[in-house]
Amino acid sequence: MIFNMTKIEDLITRVTAFRDDRDWKQFHNPKDNAIGLVLEASEVLELFQWKNKEEIDKYIKSHSENISDELADVMYWVLLMSHDLNIDIGKAIEKKLKKTEEKYPIEKSKGNHKKYTEL
C-alpha cells in the first residue's frame, strides 16, 4: 500500500472539521474547490518561477517551510475534494499508478522523458 490510510483518513477528518467549524461548506462546490486547488498549485509554481537550477537549489534549502506550506495547501484541497466527491484518494492513486505503469513500462521509459504515445 502506498499510503497509511489511517493517516489520510485523519487528515480528511481534520480538513473537513476545519471547514465545517467555520460553516464554509456552503461555499464549497466542486467548481470552486477545483479553483482553490488550481490557485494553490499555482502558488507552488510561483515559488520557482524565474529561477535557474542553482537558484532553485538554494531556494529549496532556505525556504523549505514555505514550500511545505504551499504543498499542504494543495493537499488540503485534494483531500477536501476527495471527501466531498466520495473518492477514496488512496485507492484512486493506486489505480492511477497502475494505469501509468502500463503506459510507461520500465524497459521503454527508463531515463526517457517522451510521452507514452511516443515510446
PDB file of N, CA and C in Angstrom:
ATOM      1  N   MET A   1       0.848  -1.188   0.000  1.00  0.00           N
ATOM      2  CA  MET A   1       0.000   0.000   0.000  1.00  0.00           C
ATOM      3  C   MET A   1       0.884   1.237   0.000  1.00  0.00           C
ATOM      4  N   ILE A   2       0.494   2.223  -0.745  1.00  0.00           N
ATOM      5  CA  ILE A   2       1.277   3.433  -0.907  1.00  0.00           C
ATOM      6  C   ILE A   2       1.150   4.349   0.301  1.00  0.00           C
ATOM      7  N   PHE A   3      -0.067   4.519   0.799  1.00  0.00           N
ATOM      8  CA  PHE A   3      -0.324   5.452   1.890  1.00  0.00           C
ATOM      9  C   PHE A   3      -0.766   4.722   3.142  1.00  0.00           C
ATOM     10  N   ASN A   4      -0.506   5.322   4.273  1.00  0.00           N
ATOM     11  CA  ASN A   4      -1.089   4.871   5.523  1.00  0.00           C
ATOM     12  C   ASN A   4      -2.498   5.437   5.544  1.00  0.00           C
ATOM     13  N   MET A   5      -3.485   4.604   5.254  1.00  0.00           N
ATOM     14  CA  MET A   5      -4.857   5.084   5.091  1.00  0.00           C
ATOM     15  C   MET A   5      -5.403   5.718   6.364  1.00  0.00           C
ATOM     16  N   THR A   6      -5.006   5.211   7.516  1.00  0.00           N
ATOM     17  CA  THR A   6      -5.467   5.822   8.756  1.00  0.00           C
ATOM     18  C   THR A   6      -5.037   7.271   8.806  1.00  0.00           C
ATOM     19  N   LYS A   7      -3.827   7.549   8.420  1.00  0.00           N
ATOM     20  CA  LYS A   7      -3.326   8.921   8.423  1.00  0.00           C
ATOM     21  C   LYS A   7      -4.110   9.788   7.438  1.00  0.00           C
ATOM     22  N   ILE A   8      -4.366   9.280   6.265  1.00  0.00           N
ATOM     23  CA  ILE A   8      -5.133  10.047   5.290  1.00  0.00           C
ATOM     24  C   ILE A   8      -6.537  10.311   5.828  1.00  0.00           C
ATOM     25  N   GLU A   9      -7.148   9.300   6.400  1.00  0.00           N
ATOM     26  CA  GLU A   9      -8.483   9.481   6.973  1.00  0.00           C
ATOM     27  C   GLU A   9      -8.457  10.528   8.084  1.00  0.00           C
ATOM     28  N   ASP A  10      -7.413  10.506   8.902  1.00  0.00           N
ATOM     29  CA  ASP A  10      -7.274  11.515   9.965  1.00  0.00           C
ATOM     30  C   ASP A  10      -7.154  12.914   9.372  1.00  0.00           C
ATOM     31  N   LEU A  11      -6.374  13.042   8.315  1.00  0.00           N
ATOM     32  CA  LEU A  11      -6.217  14.343   7.668  1.00  0.00           C
ATOM     33  C   LEU A  11      -7.534  14.820   7.060  1.00  0.00           C
ATOM     34  N   ILE A  12      -8.251  13.913   6.430  1.00  0.00           N
ATOM     35  CA  ILE A  12      -9.551  14.274   5.851  1.00  0.00           C
ATOM     36  C   ILE A  12     -10.499  14.738   6.948  1.00  0.00           C
ATOM     37  N   THR A  13     -10.496  14.034   8.061  1.00  0.00           N
ATOM     38  CA  THR A  13     -11.334  14.434   9.197  1.00  0.00           C
ATOM     39  C   THR A  13     -10.962  15.828   9.672  1.00  0.00           C
ATOM     40  N   ARG A  14      -9.680  16.111   9.739  1.00  0.00           N
ATOM     41  CA  ARG A  14      -9.233  17.432  10.204  1.00  0.00           C
ATOM     42  C   ARG A  14      -9.587  18.538   9.223  1.00  0.00           C
ATOM     43  N   VAL A  15      -9.381  18.311   7.921  1.00  0.00           N
ATOM     44  CA  VAL A  15      -9.682  19.388   6.970  1.00  0.00           C
ATOM     45  C   VAL A  15     -11.187  19.628   6.862  1.00  0.00           C
ATOM     46  N   THR A  16     -11.979  18.571   6.921  1.00  0.00           N
ATOM     47  CA  THR A  16     -13.431  18.777   6.868  1.00  0.00           C
ATOM     48  C   THR A  16     -13.933  19.440   8.148  1.00  0.00           C
ATOM     49  N   ALA A  17     -13.364  19.088   9.294  1.00  0.00           N
ATOM     50  CA  ALA A  17     -13.748  19.744  10.552  1.00  0.00           C
ATOM     51  C   ALA A  17     -13.366  21.218  10.514  1.00  0.00           C
ATOM     52  N   PHE A  18     -12.177  21.521  10.007  1.00  0.00           N
ATOM     53  CA  PHE A  18     -11.743  22.915   9.879  1.00  0.00           C
ATOM     54  C   PHE A  18     -12.767  23.708   9.072  1.00  0.00           C
ATOM     55  N   ARG A  19     -13.140  23.151   7.919  1.00  0.00           N
ATOM     56  CA  ARG A  19     -14.110  23.812   7.053  1.00  0.00           C
ATOM     57  C   ARG A  19     -15.479  23.906   7.722  1.00  0.00           C
ATOM     58  N   ASP A  20     -15.949  22.802   8.263  1.00  0.00           N
ATOM     59  CA  ASP A  20     -17.301  22.764   8.812  1.00  0.00           C
ATOM     60  C   ASP A  20     -17.437  23.612  10.073  1.00  0.00           C
ATOM     61  N   ASP A  21     -16.383  23.687  10.877  1.00  0.00           N
ATOM     62  CA  ASP A  21     -16.420  24.532  12.078  1.00  0.00           C
ATOM     63  C   ASP A  21     -16.622  26.003  11.717  1.00  0.00           C
ATOM     64  N   ARG A  22     -16.228  26.377  10.524  1.00  0.00           N
ATOM     65  CA  ARG A  22     -16.344  27.761  10.071  1.00  0.00           C
ATOM     66  C   ARG A  22     -17.572  27.987   9.180  1.00  0.00           C
ATOM     67  N   ASP A  23     -18.354  26.931   9.022  1.00  0.00           N
ATOM     68  CA  ASP A  23     -19.551  26.985   8.183  1.00  0.00           C
ATOM     69  C   ASP A  23     -19.217  27.428   6.759  1.00  0.00           C
ATOM     70  N   TRP A  24     -18.143  26.867   6.224  1.00  0.00           N
ATOM     71  CA  TRP A  24     -17.708  27.201   4.871  1.00  0.00           C
ATOM     72  C   TRP A  24     -18.193  26.202   3.820  1.00  0.00           C
ATOM     73  N   LYS A  25     -18.782  25.091   4.251  1.00  0.00           N
ATOM     74  CA  LYS A  25     -19.213  24.096   3.275  1.00  0.00           C
ATOM     75  C   LYS A  25     -20.186  24.704   2.264  1.00  0.00           C
ATOM     76  N   GLN A  26     -20.959  25.679   2.715  1.00  0.00           N
ATOM     77  CA  GLN A  26     -21.922  26.332   1.830  1.00  0.00           C
ATOM     78  C   GLN A  26     -21.251  26.989   0.621  1.00  0.00           C
ATOM     79  N   PHE A  27     -19.968  27.286   0.730  1.00  0.00           N
ATOM     80  CA  PHE A  27     -19.225  27.921  -0.364  1.00  0.00           C
ATOM     81  C   PHE A  27     -18.418  26.911  -1.187  1.00  0.00           C
ATOM     82  N   HIS A  28     -18.427  25.661  -0.754  1.00  0.00           N
ATOM     83  CA  HIS A  28     -17.541  24.660  -1.351  1.00  0.00           C
ATOM     84  C   HIS A  28     -18.305  23.710  -2.258  1.00  0.00           C
ATOM     85  N   ASN A  29     -18.399  24.084  -3.501  1.00  0.00           N
ATOM     86  CA  ASN A  29     -18.935  23.195  -4.524  1.00  0.00           C
ATOM     87  C   ASN A  29     -17.754  22.697  -5.357  1.00  0.00           C
ATOM     88  N   PRO A  30     -17.937  21.659  -6.164  1.00  0.00           N
ATOM     89  CA  PRO A  30     -16.808  21.114  -6.922  1.00  0.00           C
ATOM     90  C   PRO A  30     -16.058  22.148  -7.766  1.00  0.00           C
ATOM     91  N   LYS A  31     -16.785  23.054  -8.405  1.00  0.00           N
ATOM     92  CA  LYS A  31     -16.122  24.070  -9.248  1.00  0.00           C
ATOM     93  C   LYS A  31     -15.218  24.966  -8.409  1.00  0.00           C
ATOM     94  N   ASP A  32     -15.748  25.501  -7.327  1.00  0.00           N
ATOM     95  CA  ASP A  32     -14.956  26.417  -6.507  1.00  0.00           C
ATOM     96  C   ASP A  32     -13.824  25.700  -5.785  1.00  0.00           C
ATOM     97  N   ASN A  33     -14.049  24.448  -5.405  1.00  0.00           N
ATOM     98  CA  ASN A  33     -12.956  23.668  -4.810  1.00  0.00           C
ATOM     99  C   ASN A  33     -11.842  23.437  -5.829  1.00  0.00           C
ATOM    100  N   ALA A  34     -12.231  23.135  -7.060  1.00  0.00           N
ATOM    101  CA  ALA A  34     -11.226  22.935  -8.110  1.00  0.00           C
ATOM    102  C   ALA A  34     -10.450  24.225  -8.367  1.00  0.00           C
ATOM    103  N   ILE A  35     -11.137  25.342  -8.332  1.00  0.00           N
ATOM    104  CA  ILE A  35     -10.460  26.637  -8.490  1.00  0.00           C
ATOM    105  C   ILE A  35      -9.464  26.838  -7.350  1.00  0.00           C
ATOM    106  N   GLY A  36      -9.887  26.544  -6.120  1.00  0.00           N
ATOM    107  CA  GLY A  36      -8.980  26.659  -4.976  1.00  0.00           C
ATOM    108  C   GLY A  36      -7.747  25.792  -5.145  1.00  0.00           C
ATOM    109  N   LEU A  37      -7.952  24.570  -5.634  1.00  0.00           N
ATOM    110  CA  LEU A  37      -6.830  23.649  -5.861  1.00  0.00           C
ATOM    111  C   LEU A  37      -5.857  24.215  -6.887  1.00  0.00           C
ATOM    112  N   VAL A  38      -6.374  24.694  -7.989  1.00  0.00           N
ATOM    113  CA  VAL A  38      -5.517  25.243  -9.049  1.00  0.00           C
ATOM    114  C   VAL A  38      -4.783  26.492  -8.567  1.00  0.00           C
ATOM    115  N   LEU A  39      -5.465  27.338  -7.841  1.00  0.00           N
ATOM    116  CA  LEU A  39      -4.814  28.549  -7.326  1.00  0.00           C
ATOM    117  C   LEU A  39      -3.666  28.198  -6.383  1.00  0.00           C
ATOM    118  N   GLU A  40      -3.884  27.229  -5.517  1.00  0.00           N
ATOM    119  CA  GLU A  40      -2.811  26.828  -4.595  1.00  0.00           C
ATOM    120  C   GLU A  40      -1.664  26.164  -5.349  1.00  0.00           C
ATOM    121  N   ALA A  41      -1.981  25.350  -6.360  1.00  0.00           N
ATOM    122  CA  ALA A  41      -0.921  24.737  -7.168  1.00  0.00           C
ATOM    123  C   ALA A  41      -0.125  25.814  -7.905  1.00  0.00           C
ATOM    124  N   SER A  42      -0.807  26.854  -8.333  1.00  0.00           N
ATOM    125  CA  SER A  42      -0.116  27.971  -8.989  1.00  0.00           C
ATOM    126  C   SER A  42       0.835  28.673  -8.027  1.00  0.00           C
ATOM    127  N   GLU A  43       0.470  28.729  -6.753  1.00  0.00           N
ATOM    128  CA  GLU A  43       1.361  29.337  -5.766  1.00  0.00           C
ATOM    129  C   GLU A  43       2.624  28.501  -5.579  1.00  0.00           C
ATOM    130  N   VAL A  44       2.510  27.179  -5.703  1.00  0.00           N
ATOM    131  CA  VAL A  44       3.701  26.325  -5.669  1.00  0.00           C
ATOM    132  C   VAL A  44       4.583  26.657  -6.865  1.00  0.00           C
ATOM    133  N   LEU A  45       3.986  26.738  -8.022  1.00  0.00           N
ATOM    134  CA  LEU A  45       4.725  27.062  -9.243  1.00  0.00           C
ATOM    135  C   LEU A  45       5.410  28.416  -9.140  1.00  0.00           C
ATOM    136  N   GLU A  46       4.713  29.378  -8.576  1.00  0.00           N
ATOM    137  CA  GLU A  46       5.259  30.725  -8.446  1.00  0.00           C
ATOM    138  C   GLU A  46       6.543  30.759  -7.618  1.00  0.00           C
ATOM    139  N   LEU A  47       6.656  29.845  -6.661  1.00  0.00           N
ATOM    140  CA  LEU A  47       7.865  29.809  -5.822  1.00  0.00           C
ATOM    141  C   LEU A  47       9.130  29.577  -6.649  1.00  0.00           C
ATOM    142  N   PHE A  48       8.982  28.887  -7.769  1.00  0.00           N
ATOM    143  CA  PHE A  48      10.142  28.516  -8.587  1.00  0.00           C
ATOM    144  C   PHE A  48      10.271  29.336  -9.874  1.00  0.00           C
ATOM    145  N   GLN A  49       9.288  30.178 -10.127  1.00  0.00           N
ATOM    146  CA  GLN A  49       9.292  30.970 -11.359  1.00  0.00           C
ATOM    147  C   GLN A  49      10.529  31.862 -11.419  1.00  0.00           C
ATOM    148  N   TRP A  50      11.099  31.957 -12.592  1.00  0.00           N
ATOM    149  CA  TRP A  50      12.218  32.838 -12.918  1.00  0.00           C
ATOM    150  C   TRP A  50      13.532  32.434 -12.246  1.00  0.00           C
ATOM    151  N   LYS A  51      13.597  31.270 -11.659  1.00  0.00           N
ATOM    152  CA  LYS A  51      14.834  30.826 -11.007  1.00  0.00           C
ATOM    153  C   LYS A  51      15.534  29.786 -11.879  1.00  0.00           C
ATOM    154  N   ASN A  52      16.857  29.911 -11.972  1.00  0.00           N
ATOM    155  CA  ASN A  52      17.615  28.883 -12.675  1.00  0.00           C
ATOM    156  C   ASN A  52      17.886  27.732 -11.697  1.00  0.00           C
ATOM    157  N   LYS A  53      18.544  26.683 -12.160  1.00  0.00           N
ATOM    158  CA  LYS A  53      18.756  25.499 -11.320  1.00  0.00           C
ATOM    159  C   LYS A  53      19.469  25.825 -10.014  1.00  0.00           C
ATOM    160  N   GLU A  54      20.505  26.638 -10.088  1.00  0.00           N
ATOM    161  CA  GLU A  54      21.259  26.979  -8.873  1.00  0.00           C
ATOM    162  C   GLU A  54      20.381  27.766  -7.890  1.00  0.00           C
ATOM    163  N   GLU A  55      19.601  28.692  -8.412  1.00  0.00           N
ATOM    164  CA  GLU A  55      18.708  29.475  -7.558  1.00  0.00           C
ATOM    165  C   GLU A  55      17.617  28.599  -6.932  1.00  0.00           C
ATOM    166  N   ILE A  56      17.130  27.649  -7.705  1.00  0.00           N
ATOM    167  CA  ILE A  56      16.122  26.720  -7.179  1.00  0.00           C
ATOM    168  C   ILE A  56      16.715  25.882  -6.058  1.00  0.00           C
ATOM    169  N   ASP A  57      17.911  25.351  -6.276  1.00  0.00           N
ATOM    170  CA  ASP A  57      18.563  24.545  -5.237  1.00  0.00           C
ATOM    171  C   ASP A  57      18.742  25.342  -3.946  1.00  0.00           C
ATOM    172  N   LYS A  58      19.174  26.575  -4.073  1.00  0.00           N
ATOM    173  CA  LYS A  58      19.364  27.449  -2.912  1.00  0.00           C
ATOM    174  C   LYS A  58      18.017  27.762  -2.253  1.00  0.00           C
ATOM    175  N   TYR A  59      17.018  28.046  -3.076  1.00  0.00           N
ATOM    176  CA  TYR A  59      15.694  28.386  -2.561  1.00  0.00           C
ATOM    177  C   TYR A  59      15.095  27.227  -1.768  1.00  0.00           C
ATOM    178  N   ILE A  60      15.223  26.025  -2.297  1.00  0.00           N
ATOM    179  CA  ILE A  60      14.696  24.843  -1.616  1.00  0.00           C
ATOM    180  C   ILE A  60      15.305  24.714  -0.220  1.00  0.00           C
ATOM    181  N   LYS A  61      16.594  24.928  -0.119  1.00  0.00           N
ATOM    182  CA  LYS A  61      17.273  24.812   1.177  1.00  0.00           C
ATOM    183  C   LYS A  61      16.857  25.911   2.146  1.00  0.00           C
ATOM    184  N   SER A  62      16.644  27.107   1.642  1.00  0.00           N
ATOM    185  CA  SER A  62      16.371  28.238   2.537  1.00  0.00           C
ATOM    186  C   SER A  62      14.879  28.511   2.763  1.00  0.00           C
ATOM    187  N   HIS A  63      14.012  27.880   1.977  1.00  0.00           N
ATOM    188  CA  HIS A  63      12.577  28.159   2.095  1.00  0.00           C
ATOM    189  C   HIS A  63      11.740  26.881   2.187  1.00  0.00           C
ATOM    190  N   SER A  64      12.269  25.862   2.806  1.00  0.00           N
ATOM    191  CA  SER A  64      11.551  24.585   2.839  1.00  0.00           C
ATOM    192  C   SER A  64      10.214  24.692   3.569  1.00  0.00           C
ATOM    193  N   GLU A  65      10.126  25.549   4.589  1.00  0.00           N
ATOM    194  CA  GLU A  65       8.854  25.689   5.302  1.00  0.00           C
ATOM    195  C   GLU A  65       7.797  26.336   4.413  1.00  0.00           C
ATOM    196  N   ASN A  66       8.184  27.332   3.643  1.00  0.00           N
ATOM    197  CA  ASN A  66       7.243  27.978   2.727  1.00  0.00           C
ATOM    198  C   ASN A  66       6.771  26.997   1.655  1.00  0.00           C
ATOM    199  N   ILE A  67       7.685  26.223   1.103  1.00  0.00           N
ATOM    200  CA  ILE A  67       7.322  25.213   0.104  1.00  0.00           C
ATOM    201  C   ILE A  67       6.381  24.192   0.729  1.00  0.00           C
ATOM    202  N   SER A  68       6.702  23.773   1.932  1.00  0.00           N
ATOM    203  CA  SER A  68       5.871  22.816   2.661  1.00  0.00           C
ATOM    204  C   SER A  68       4.462  23.363   2.873  1.00  0.00           C
ATOM    205  N   ASP A  69       4.369  24.623   3.268  1.00  0.00           N
ATOM    206  CA  ASP A  69       3.061  25.250   3.478  1.00  0.00           C
ATOM    207  C   ASP A  69       2.231  25.261   2.195  1.00  0.00           C
ATOM    208  N   GLU A  70       2.868  25.593   1.092  1.00  0.00           N
ATOM    209  CA  GLU A  70       2.133  25.658  -0.174  1.00  0.00           C
ATOM    210  C   GLU A  70       1.689  24.270  -0.635  1.00  0.00           C
ATOM    211  N   LEU A  71       2.560  23.270  -0.460  1.00  0.00           N
ATOM    212  CA  LEU A  71       2.170  21.902  -0.802  1.00  0.00           C
ATOM    213  C   LEU A  71       1.024  21.424   0.088  1.00  0.00           C
ATOM    214  N   ALA A  72       1.056  21.817   1.365  1.00  0.00           N
ATOM    215  CA  ALA A  72      -0.031  21.465   2.287  1.00  0.00           C
ATOM    216  C   ALA A  72      -1.343  22.107   1.838  1.00  0.00           C
ATOM    217  N   ASP A  73      -1.270  23.333   1.336  1.00  0.00           N
ATOM    218  CA  ASP A  73      -2.478  23.995   0.820  1.00  0.00           C
ATOM    219  C   ASP A  73      -3.064  23.209  -0.357  1.00  0.00           C
ATOM    220  N   VAL A  74      -2.204  22.719  -1.239  1.00  0.00           N
ATOM    221  CA  VAL A  74      -2.671  21.904  -2.366  1.00  0.00           C
ATOM    222  C   VAL A  74      -3.330  20.626  -1.842  1.00  0.00           C
ATOM    223  N   MET A  75      -2.656  19.979  -0.893  1.00  0.00           N
ATOM    224  CA  MET A  75      -3.180  18.725  -0.354  1.00  0.00           C
ATOM    225  C   MET A  75      -4.507  18.934   0.370  1.00  0.00           C
ATOM    226  N   TYR A  76      -4.659  20.073   1.028  1.00  0.00           N
ATOM    227  CA  TYR A  76      -5.920  20.405   1.691  1.00  0.00           C
ATOM    228  C   TYR A  76      -7.077  20.285   0.705  1.00  0.00           C
ATOM    229  N   TRP A  77      -6.916  20.922  -0.462  1.00  0.00           N
ATOM    230  CA  TRP A  77      -7.993  20.905  -1.447  1.00  0.00           C
ATOM    231  C   TRP A  77      -8.190  19.519  -2.049  1.00  0.00           C
ATOM    232  N   VAL A  78      -7.105  18.781  -2.256  1.00  0.00           N
ATOM    233  CA  VAL A  78      -7.226  17.411  -2.772  1.00  0.00           C
ATOM    234  C   VAL A  78      -8.019  16.554  -1.791  1.00  0.00           C
ATOM    235  N   LEU A  79      -7.668  16.643  -0.511  1.00  0.00           N
ATOM    236  CA  LEU A  79      -8.368  15.834   0.493  1.00  0.00           C
ATOM    237  C   LEU A  79      -9.822  16.256   0.635  1.00  0.00           C
ATOM    238  N   LEU A  80     -10.067  17.554   0.628  1.00  0.00           N
ATOM    239  CA  LEU A  80     -11.433  18.045   0.759  1.00  0.00           C
ATOM    240  C   LEU A  80     -12.286  17.610  -0.432  1.00  0.00           C
ATOM    241  N   MET A  81     -11.739  17.764  -1.622  1.00  0.00           N
ATOM    242  CA  MET A  81     -12.489  17.362  -2.817  1.00  0.00           C
ATOM    243  C   MET A  81     -12.736  15.864  -2.843  1.00  0.00           C
ATOM    244  N   SER A  82     -11.723  15.080  -2.482  1.00  0.00           N
ATOM    245  CA  SER A  82     -11.912  13.628  -2.492  1.00  0.00           C
ATOM    246  C   SER A  82     -13.006  13.234  -1.509  1.00  0.00           C
ATOM    247  N   HIS A  83     -13.042  13.886  -0.347  1.00  0.00           N
ATOM    248  CA  HIS A  83     -14.092  13.616   0.638  1.00  0.00           C
ATOM    249  C   HIS A  83     -15.463  13.993   0.088  1.00  0.00           C
ATOM    250  N   ASP A  84     -15.578  15.207  -0.417  1.00  0.00           N
ATOM    251  CA  ASP A  84     -16.872  15.704  -0.877  1.00  0.00           C
ATOM    252  C   ASP A  84     -17.394  14.932  -2.090  1.00  0.00           C
ATOM    253  N   LEU A  85     -16.489  14.418  -2.901  1.00  0.00           N
ATOM    254  CA  LEU A  85     -16.885  13.663  -4.097  1.00  0.00           C
ATOM    255  C   LEU A  85     -16.917  12.157  -3.849  1.00  0.00           C
ATOM    256  N   ASN A  86     -16.711  11.783  -2.574  1.00  0.00           N
ATOM    257  CA  ASN A  86     -16.760  10.379  -2.162  1.00  0.00           C
ATOM    258  C   ASN A  86     -15.763   9.514  -2.944  1.00  0.00           C
ATOM    259  N   ILE A  87     -14.534  10.017  -3.034  1.00  0.00           N
ATOM    260  CA  ILE A  87     -13.446   9.297  -3.706  1.00  0.00           C
ATOM    261  C   ILE A  87     -12.421   8.877  -2.661  1.00  0.00           C
ATOM    262  N   ASP A  88     -12.104   7.606  -2.633  1.00  0.00           N
ATOM    263  CA  ASP A  88     -11.034   7.116  -1.760  1.00  0.00           C
ATOM    264  C   ASP A  88      -9.721   7.483  -2.450  1.00  0.00           C
ATOM    265  N   ILE A  89      -9.087   8.534  -1.974  1.00  0.00           N
ATOM    266  CA  ILE A  89      -7.923   9.079  -2.682  1.00  0.00           C
ATOM    267  C   ILE A  89      -6.753   8.105  -2.701  1.00  0.00           C
ATOM    268  N   GLY A  90      -6.587   7.325  -1.649  1.00  0.00           N
ATOM    269  CA  GLY A  90      -5.525   6.311  -1.638  1.00  0.00           C
ATOM    270  C   GLY A  90      -5.727   5.283  -2.733  1.00  0.00           C
ATOM    271  N   LYS A  91      -6.953   4.768  -2.836  1.00  0.00           N
ATOM    272  CA  LYS A  91      -7.267   3.797  -3.894  1.00  0.00           C
ATOM    273  C   LYS A  91      -7.156   4.434  -5.270  1.00  0.00           C
ATOM    274  N   ALA A  92      -7.577   5.688  -5.372  1.00  0.00           N
ATOM    275  CA  ALA A  92      -7.506   6.385  -6.659  1.00  0.00           C
ATOM    276  C   ALA A  92      -6.057   6.512  -7.122  1.00  0.00           C
ATOM    277  N   ILE A  93      -5.159   6.835  -6.191  1.00  0.00           N
ATOM    278  CA  ILE A  93      -3.739   6.964  -6.550  1.00  0.00           C
ATOM    279  C   ILE A  93      -3.172   5.610  -6.959  1.00  0.00           C
ATOM    280  N   GLU A  94      -3.495   4.578  -6.213  1.00  0.00           N
ATOM    281  CA  GLU A  94      -3.006   3.234  -6.573  1.00  0.00           C
ATOM    282  C   GLU A  94      -3.501   2.827  -7.956  1.00  0.00           C
ATOM    283  N   LYS A  95      -4.778   3.060  -8.239  1.00  0.00           N
ATOM    284  CA  LYS A  95      -5.350   2.718  -9.542  1.00  0.00           C
ATOM    285  C   LYS A  95      -4.681   3.511 -10.659  1.00  0.00           C
ATOM    286  N   LYS A  96      -4.469   4.796 -10.423  1.00  0.00           N
ATOM    287  CA  LYS A  96      -3.825   5.646 -11.435  1.00  0.00           C
ATOM    288  C   LYS A  96      -2.378   5.227 -11.667  1.00  0.00           C
ATOM    289  N   LEU A  97      -1.673   4.857 -10.597  1.00  0.00           N
ATOM    290  CA  LEU A  97      -0.294   4.389 -10.768  1.00  0.00           C
ATOM    291  C   LEU A  97      -0.235   3.128 -11.630  1.00  0.00           C
ATOM    292  N   LYS A  98      -1.180   2.214 -11.442  1.00  0.00           N
ATOM    293  CA  LYS A  98      -1.213   1.001 -12.266  1.00  0.00           C
ATOM    294  C   LYS A  98      -1.404   1.353 -13.735  1.00  0.00           C
ATOM    295  N   LYS A  99      -2.332   2.277 -14.001  1.00  0.00           N
ATOM    296  CA  LYS A  99      -2.554   2.712 -15.385  1.00  0.00           C
ATOM    297  C   LYS A  99      -1.289   3.351 -15.962  1.00  0.00           C
ATOM    298  N   THR A 100      -0.637   4.175 -15.167  1.00  0.00           N
ATOM    299  CA  THR A 100       0.557   4.873 -15.629  1.00  0.00           C
ATOM    300  C   THR A 100       1.711   3.902 -15.832  1.00  0.00           C
ATOM    301  N   GLU A 101       1.812   2.904 -14.972  1.00  0.00           N
ATOM    302  CA  GLU A 101       2.855   1.876 -15.143  1.00  0.00           C
ATOM    303  C   GLU A 101       2.677   1.135 -16.461  1.00  0.00           C
ATOM    304  N   GLU A 102       1.433   0.915 -16.851  1.00  0.00           N
ATOM    305  CA  GLU A 102       1.169   0.250 -18.130  1.00  0.00           C
ATOM    306  C   GLU A 102       1.541   1.149 -19.307  1.00  0.00           C
ATOM    307  N   LYS A 103       1.296   2.441 -19.170  1.00  0.00           N
ATOM    308  CA  LYS A 103       1.637   3.387 -20.233  1.00  0.00           C
ATOM    309  C   LYS A 103       3.140   3.574 -20.353  1.00  0.00           C
ATOM    310  N   TYR A 104       3.828   3.486 -19.223  1.00  0.00           N
ATOM    311  CA  TYR A 104       5.267   3.743 -19.172  1.00  0.00           C
ATOM    312  C   TYR A 104       6.020   2.540 -18.619  1.00  0.00           C
ATOM    313  N   PRO A 105       6.101   1.446 -19.389  1.00  0.00           N
ATOM    314  CA  PRO A 105       6.865   0.293 -18.896  1.00  0.00           C
ATOM    315  C   PRO A 105       8.333   0.681 -18.721  1.00  0.00           C
ATOM    316  N   ILE A 106       8.941   0.137 -17.702  1.00  0.00           N
ATOM    317  CA  ILE A 106      10.326   0.489 -17.357  1.00  0.00           C
ATOM    318  C   ILE A 106      11.256   0.317 -18.550  1.00  0.00           C
ATOM    319  N   GLU A 107      11.110  -0.779 -19.269  1.00  0.00           N
ATOM    320  CA  GLU A 107      12.041  -1.063 -20.372  1.00  0.00           C
ATOM    321  C   GLU A 107      11.957  -0.025 -21.498  1.00  0.00           C
ATOM    322  N   LYS A 108      10.853   0.666 -21.623  1.00  0.00           N
ATOM    323  CA  LYS A 108      10.710   1.694 -22.658  1.00  0.00           C
ATOM    324  C   LYS A 108      10.915   3.108 -22.122  1.00  0.00           C
ATOM    325  N   SER A 109      10.612   3.328 -20.863  1.00  0.00           N
ATOM    326  CA  SER A 109      10.574   4.700 -20.366  1.00  0.00           C
ATOM    327  C   SER A 109      11.715   5.091 -19.436  1.00  0.00           C
ATOM    328  N   LYS A 110      12.492   4.140 -18.975  1.00  0.00           N
ATOM    329  CA  LYS A 110      13.562   4.465 -18.025  1.00  0.00           C
ATOM    330  C   LYS A 110      14.558   5.452 -18.646  1.00  0.00           C
ATOM    331  N   GLY A 111      14.709   6.589 -17.987  1.00  0.00           N
ATOM    332  CA  GLY A 111      15.641   7.611 -18.452  1.00  0.00           C
ATOM    333  C   GLY A 111      15.155   8.377 -19.674  1.00  0.00           C
ATOM    334  N   ASN A 112      13.881   8.202 -20.018  1.00  0.00           N
ATOM    335  CA  ASN A 112      13.330   8.802 -21.225  1.00  0.00           C
ATOM    336  C   ASN A 112      12.167   9.710 -20.839  1.00  0.00           C
ATOM    337  N   HIS A 113      12.147  10.938 -21.307  1.00  0.00           N
ATOM    338  CA  HIS A 113      11.091  11.869 -20.945  1.00  0.00           C
ATOM    339  C   HIS A 113       9.954  11.951 -21.963  1.00  0.00           C
ATOM    340  N   LYS A 114       9.988  11.088 -22.968  1.00  0.00           N
ATOM    341  CA  LYS A 114       8.946  11.136 -24.000  1.00  0.00           C
ATOM    342  C   LYS A 114       7.605  10.699 -23.431  1.00  0.00           C
ATOM    343  N   LYS A 115       6.557  11.258 -24.019  1.00  0.00           N
ATOM    344  CA  LYS A 115       5.206  10.863 -23.652  1.00  0.00           C
ATOM    345  C   LYS A 115       4.974   9.425 -24.109  1.00  0.00           C
ATOM    346  N   TYR A 116       4.109   8.712 -23.404  1.00  0.00           N
ATOM    347  CA  TYR A 116       3.880   7.294 -23.696  1.00  0.00           C
ATOM    348  C   TYR A 116       3.490   7.022 -25.149  1.00  0.00           C
ATOM    349  N   THR A 117       2.836   7.990 -25.793  1.00  0.00           N
ATOM    350  CA  THR A 117       2.442   7.802 -27.194  1.00  0.00           C
ATOM    351  C   THR A 117       3.634   7.860 -28.141  1.00  0.00           C
ATOM    352  N   GLU A 118       4.783   8.312 -27.633  1.00  0.00           N
ATOM    353  CA  GLU A 118       5.978   8.432 -28.472  1.00  0.00           C
ATOM    354  C   GLU A 118       7.034   7.374 -28.148  1.00  0.00           C
ATOM    355  N   LEU A 119       6.761   6.512 -27.186  1.00  0.00           N
ATOM    356  CA  LEU A 119       7.750   5.487 -26.818  1.00  0.00           C
ATOM    357  C   LEU A 119       7.822   4.391 -27.842  1.00  0.00           C
TER     358      LEU A 119
END
